[in-house]
Amino acid sequence: MKRLFSLLLAGLIFTNLLAQVTTDPEFPVAGETVKIIFDATQGTAGLQDYSGDIYAHTGVITDQSTSGSDWKYVIADWNVNTDKAKLTRISTNIYELEITPDIASFYGVPPSEKIEQMAFVFRSADGSREGKASGGTDIFVDVYEPGLVVEITQPADNQILQKSQAVNISASSSIEADLKLYLNESLIAENTGNTISTNYTFTEGGSNWLIAEASAAGTTLRDSVSVFVREEVITETKPSSYKTGINYPLDNSAALVLWAPQKEFVYVLGDFNNWEVGENFQMKKDGDYFWLDIPNLEKGKEYAFQYLIDGKLKIADPYAEKVLDPWNDSFISDATYPNLKAYPEGKTDGIVAVLQPGQDEYQWEINDFQTPAKEKMVIYELLIRDFTEEHTYTSVIEKLDYLEDLRVNVLELMPVNEFEGNNSWGYNPSFYFAPDKYYGLKNELKRLIDECHKRGIAVVIDMVLNHSYGQSPFAQMYMDNWTITEDNPWYNISSPNSTYSWGYDFNHESQATQELVDSVNSFWISEYKVDGFRFDFTKGFTQKTGDGWAYDASRIAILKRMADQIWARDPDNLIILEHLTDNSEEKELANYGLMLWGNMNNNYGEAAMGFNESSKSDLSWAVYTNRGWSQPNLVTYMESHDEERLAYRCLNYGNSDANYDTKTLSVALDRLELSSLFFLPLPGPKMIWQFGERGYDLSINRCENGTISNDCRTAPKPPYWNYLDNSDRTDLFEVMAKLNELKQKYEEFSPESYSYSLSNAIKWYSLSNNGNHVLAVGNFDVKLNTPTISFPQNGKWYEFFTSDSLNITSTNRTLILQPGEYRLYSTRKFAEPHITTDVDDIQSPEYQLNVYPNPVQSTLFVSAEKWIDQVEIYSLTGKLMSRNTARSKEKQLSVEGFSPGIYLLRVILDGELVSRKIVVQ
């Protein structure tokens, strides 16, 4: 006999038994041989028509497993091909694996451990293709105890049936037995043998139990399944105030609305009905909408729920603001997300949505934030996962003083909406309205935005609307074996871009997609007060085939339509595109008011490394007018999340000459200061990638074990806050911070006119506004140069970094520039910005505290009029370096052995804390 398995996995319920895996015998026993027969056309069909060798990645679930994903006694690692797990091809798509001499021996399971299931993923020899259950989950085969076993084979458990529908009811037993079938304890069929079957027509709606009974040798066993006979769907107009998704008419009720064209019926399953199909939870129908009121809920309580569509598919609400993930939530600590609601284990499967009537609303402190002018913008791109060890919204809030000291005025967060898994850049979105729990509570995200606004920092979020992946309900609702079907109103069956495509590609000419895009953008503007969006890969917002580079009028129309909808809701909202297409198209979009990423990583990299031949280091394309744009909407960057770090390039591939080598750290960091002068002050918005301000020198392709591989591009990278203990790195920070302040404070850096020469080793630019002028000059060579520079006018010019001055009597002036040396001259003297790399000094007005010498080389003296209870010195990473607790009015602390850099001095005077910055040389 062969046993046919039905799988209830990842929210997908099958009304017909799919012969993906069958076994011989039908009821495998741990102490016996069994054959596994695999049909490659079923399930995900990833190995269909594959001609190479196929292997089983296989293990067992035992009574010692902690969950269904806790495989034990795995035969081999994923990438190991062993003959023991190699399948034999029976025909084109049918394969066989013999588990011999018995299941326990094959896997090496000791007698003390009970085998409950065998687990499988079938794969190609190189692991690039795999066959899994429909839903993309592992395949499980039950293992039985010896003796009598009985099991209902049709219909599946929890199947929903229609009134007057004839249904085949059948069961099998492991040995010959007296078999009976019952409907709610009423006998409907009996037979002696190994199988029993009957057809039955249900005439009454509601829940029913089907029971199979087997009796043999004095033993009687039963198996049961629940089926639900549904009533006709009620057609009724939904209230006009109900929006798609979750509504809260009262603080103790919810109203659910699902847009599901061509679907026949929908039930709601959840905590409020014990996850059971019931007549009161069948959604009403209004055209393509299904809706349902759920009364009598508890105010403030969270309820998990799903939609069961046509009795086949379970999904979380696509518009949910919180979801529970059975595969990844267990890896979120209580410190990250306190009191996270437990997943309803054993009651359902797949991702579930959460509703909460009467929840506490965040109380915004800033309600009238004004975004900075584009020409003054300094954007900081930040990945929460890698910015701090804690990877939380809260930990970013705690570092906002650092960003404020850097003089950042726009914070661009890489995707924060729910994405697949936890460890990710976030460009694999799953739920567009739910903040990702791996970063913390949603109100902490709101507080982060509020705290940024308090500091004059706008917040832009990265939004991925080019594509999504298989966990997205929008995809799941209309797909077959993980392939988008023609009736999907949002997605293309395949991407029109044959060169660049990811996941499931949105059709941006579809009305449904446009409405979804507008609802996503509107939600984040209204609910989270975001000041803008950085839209990922907008090159893909088209139905035209090709690589997306050429001018595309239809794509321009799509993006302008989206922008108009955003600006109708928030006229000042920032729209930043990662577009990277032909300049003729980018020019039209920029002149319409959209901002566009300008990737200058390669050119700035060559400049920093000291390679200037053949215009390798030409920076002219970083200037928006050089592209023919009329508006300062070019977001130029030296680095981004997707580009190699300049410090790494210098240290590994930099140029050198005689005693000057850009591959040494101090020189490399000086070169980044030089590059920053020819980056940040240039007209228009600029973007800094996370930690570029401290010369982050780990490769983008660094693996967690320290090796370098393209496969590790998105792997976690350590934040290395201890870099701030290095004075060369803090010098870079301070140079960039000062340039940022100049850009935002002085009109010269929003010039009426400017000129530049950025293509050779000696680079310069001049900016002018309202009779004030600045002139920057830098030597990007690896040897000394004596360029003759033309100053815009005669008179006194002030050098910003050295406080020197020049009296220009002839506008042409010859300068002596060492390799990597730079100057910034101005016709008016700029005030010296006060820059720190951590919190500001805390000084009580009541106490006079004397700290000297500062900077210090060996011994630091601290004195005060009042008694000093304690003095401590901390590194900027929080490491205690020195402590003196003897009560006195004067103290001495040795800094011998300290690395050069900035440190925090904490002094307790009569119980009051005073702090100062000190510099160790």
Foldseek 3Di string as FASTA:
>chain_A
DKAFDFDAAQQFHDQDTDRQWIKVVRAAAQQAKMKIKGFCCAALSQCQQPDAWKFKFKAFDWPPAPDPVRGPLTPDPLQDDDPQGTWDDPDRGMTMHMQPPGNCVSSVPDPVIGTFWMKTWMAGNRRPTIGAGHNPDIDIDGHDHPDKDKDWPPGDAAFEAEAQDKGKTKMFIPFWFWKFKDKQNHTDDIDTGGMDIDIDGHHDFAKIKIKMWTDDPHDIDIDIGMYTYADAAAADDDDPPDDAAWDAPDLFKIKHKHQAPPFRWKFKAKPVVLRHGDHQRTFHDYHRMTMHIGGRHDGFDKMWMWMQTNRTGTAARLAAQDKDAPPAPVVADCVFAPPPDDDPPPSHHHMIGMDHGNHDAQDFPDDDFDADDFQLAEEEEDELVAQAVLSALQVVLQCVVLVVLLVHAEYEYQAQADAPHLQFSRLAHAHLNYGHSSHYDPSSLLVSQRSSSVSNHAYAYEDELQAHADNHPLQVSAADSRFGDPPRQFFDSDQLEPPDDDHTGGALVGPVSLVVLLVSLLSCCVRRVHQEYEYEALLRNDRHHYNSADADPVSLVSVVVSVVSNCVNPVRRAAEYAHNHDLVNVQVSVQVPHAYEDEPQQLLLCLLLANQPPLRNFPVSLAVVVSVHPDQRYAYENDALQDWFSLQSQLPPGDADDPFGSNDNLSSLLSLLLSLVVHLLHGGYYYYYQLSLQSDRQTCQAAPVGDGDPVCNSGHDHNPPVSQLAASSVVSSLSSSQSSCCSNPDCQSNAPDKDWDRRGQWTKMKGDDPHKIKIKIWGSHNAKDWDWAFAPDAAKKAWQPPRDIDGGPGRTDIDIHGHSDMTMIIPDHDDDDDRDSRDAWFDDPVKDWDWDDFQDAWKIKIFIPAKWQKKWKAAPVGHTDDIDGDIDRMDMDTPPPRHFHKIKMWIAGVNDITIDIGTYD
